[in-house]
């Protein structure tokens, strides 16, 4: 039973150490000036499929017929700070005027809209 007591003590010490390290890490992230690198497009895709419906012979008002379920794609972007490894993801966009392919003109494009990191 002494081994069990030693393990409990060791777990408590490791938990305290983990809490301290997490606090230090979050403090670094809060005070970081953030140098976000490249924004990556990482959509969440769920493939389409065919639902065969209820088997033949099952009748009633709630019978499901065969149907195709379309593929869905949720647009998502992510970026990571090179200094503190803060990872941000967003599905929000905002319109932004950018130079067009025709010189002297601009075009409105949807760009990722990341939340501003909290400053303490």
Protein backbone atom coordinates (compact mmCIF):
# COMPACT_ATOMS: atom_id res chain seq x y z
CA UNK A 1 0.00 0.00 0.00
CA UNK A 2 2.99 2.31 0.43
CA UNK A 3 3.42 2.28 -3.34
CA UNK A 4 -0.13 3.60 -3.83
CA UNK A 5 0.52 6.44 -1.35
CA UNK A 6 3.75 7.31 -3.19
CA UNK A 7 1.90 7.39 -6.50
CA UNK A 8 -0.81 9.68 -5.12
CA UNK A 9 1.86 12.05 -3.80
CA UNK A 10 3.69 11.98 -7.14
CA UNK A 11 0.46 12.66 -9.06
CA UNK A 12 -0.33 15.65 -6.82
CA UNK A 13 3.17 17.09 -7.39
CA UNK A 14 2.89 16.56 -11.15
CA UNK A 15 -0.54 18.25 -11.15
CA UNK A 16 0.86 21.28 -9.29
CA UNK A 17 3.80 21.44 -11.72
CA UNK A 18 1.44 21.19 -14.71
CA UNK A 19 -0.75 24.01 -13.34
CA UNK A 20 2.32 26.22 -12.85
CA UNK A 21 3.62 25.52 -16.36
CA UNK A 22 0.21 26.19 -17.90
CA UNK A 23 -0.04 29.53 -16.06
CA UNK A 24 3.42 30.56 -17.30
CA UNK A 25 2.57 29.50 -20.85
CA UNK A 26 -0.72 31.45 -20.88
CA UNK A 27 1.06 34.51 -19.48
CA UNK A 28 3.58 34.32 -22.35
CA UNK A 29 0.75 34.03 -24.89
CA UNK A 30 -1.15 36.96 -23.36
CA UNK A 31 1.85 39.31 -23.51
CA UNK A 32 3.19 38.13 -26.88
CA UNK A 33 3.33 40.63 -29.77
CA UNK A 34 2.18 37.82 -32.11
CA UNK A 35 3.88 37.26 -35.42
CA UNK A 36 1.29 35.19 -37.27
CA UNK A 37 2.65 33.34 -40.23
CA UNK A 38 0.82 32.19 -43.31
CA UNK A 39 -2.94 31.73 -43.09
CA UNK A 40 -3.90 28.22 -44.19
CA UNK A 41 -7.23 27.16 -45.62
CA UNK A 42 -8.31 23.94 -43.86
CA UNK A 43 -11.95 23.19 -44.72
CA UNK A 44 -14.00 20.67 -42.77
CA UNK A 45 -15.39 18.35 -45.43
CA UNK A 46 -17.95 15.65 -44.94
CA UNK A 47 -18.39 13.53 -48.04
CA UNK A 48 -21.72 12.94 -49.66
CA UNK A 49 -23.36 9.55 -49.54
CA UNK A 50 -26.49 7.67 -50.53
CA UNK A 51 -28.95 6.77 -47.80
CA UNK A 52 -30.67 3.55 -48.88
CA UNK A 53 -33.79 4.38 -46.85
CA UNK A 54 -35.98 1.81 -45.18
CA UNK A 55 -35.93 -1.73 -46.54
CA UNK A 56 -38.77 -2.80 -48.86
CA UNK A 57 -41.83 -4.05 -47.07
CA UNK A 58 -41.73 -1.45 -44.33
CA UNK A 59 -44.64 0.80 -45.04
CA UNK A 60 -46.19 3.61 -43.13
CA UNK A 61 -46.32 7.37 -43.02
CA UNK A 62 -42.78 7.61 -41.61
CA UNK A 63 -41.10 5.44 -44.25
CA UNK A 64 -37.82 6.88 -45.51
CA UNK A 65 -37.18 6.62 -49.22
CA UNK A 66 -33.67 6.34 -50.68
CA UNK A 67 -31.97 9.71 -51.05
CA UNK A 68 -28.64 11.31 -51.84
CA UNK A 69 -27.03 13.36 -49.06
CA UNK A 70 -24.80 16.05 -50.60
CA UNK A 71 -21.18 16.70 -49.70
CA UNK A 72 -20.75 19.63 -47.30
CA UNK A 73 -17.77 21.88 -46.80
CA UNK A 74 -17.33 24.32 -43.92
CA UNK A 75 -14.80 26.99 -44.85
CA UNK A 76 -12.16 27.32 -42.13
CA UNK A 77 -8.79 29.06 -41.84
CA UNK A 78 -6.01 28.76 -39.29
CA UNK A 79 -2.84 30.61 -38.41
CA UNK A 80 -0.10 30.06 -35.81
CA UNK A 81 2.07 32.63 -34.03
CA UNK A 82 5.75 31.95 -34.69
CA UNK A 83 6.69 33.36 -31.27
CA UNK A 84 4.28 31.78 -28.77
CA UNK A 85 2.58 29.04 -30.85
CA UNK A 86 -0.90 30.53 -30.33
CA UNK A 87 -3.16 28.82 -32.85
CA UNK A 88 -6.22 30.68 -34.11
CA UNK A 89 -8.97 29.25 -36.27
CA UNK A 90 -11.97 30.98 -37.80
CA UNK A 91 -14.91 30.32 -40.05
CA UNK A 92 -15.79 34.04 -40.25
CA UNK A 93 -14.99 36.25 -43.22
CA UNK A 94 -15.17 39.96 -43.96
CA UNK A 95 -15.17 41.87 -47.25
CA UNK A 96 -11.92 43.61 -48.17
CA UNK A 97 -10.94 45.69 -51.18
CA UNK A 98 -7.88 44.28 -52.91
CA UNK A 99 -6.09 45.20 -56.13
CA UNK A 100 -7.78 43.66 -59.15
CA UNK A 101 -6.13 42.03 -62.14
CA UNK A 102 -7.00 45.17 -64.10
CA UNK A 103 -4.46 47.83 -63.21
CA UNK A 104 -5.87 50.76 -61.22
CA UNK A 105 -8.98 48.92 -60.04
CA UNK A 106 -9.95 47.05 -56.91
CA UNK A 107 -12.22 44.12 -56.23
CA UNK A 108 -14.02 43.14 -53.06
CA UNK A 109 -12.96 39.71 -51.78
CA UNK A 110 -13.96 37.73 -48.73
CA UNK A 111 -10.96 37.29 -46.42
CA UNK A 112 -10.66 35.37 -43.11
CA UNK A 113 -11.68 37.44 -40.09
CA UNK A 114 -9.65 36.30 -37.08
CA UNK A 115 -10.46 37.59 -33.59
CA UNK A 116 -7.91 39.93 -32.07
CA UNK A 117 -5.89 38.19 -29.34
CA UNK A 118 -6.74 39.44 -25.85
CA UNK A 119 -4.27 41.88 -24.30
CA UNK A 120 -3.94 42.01 -20.53
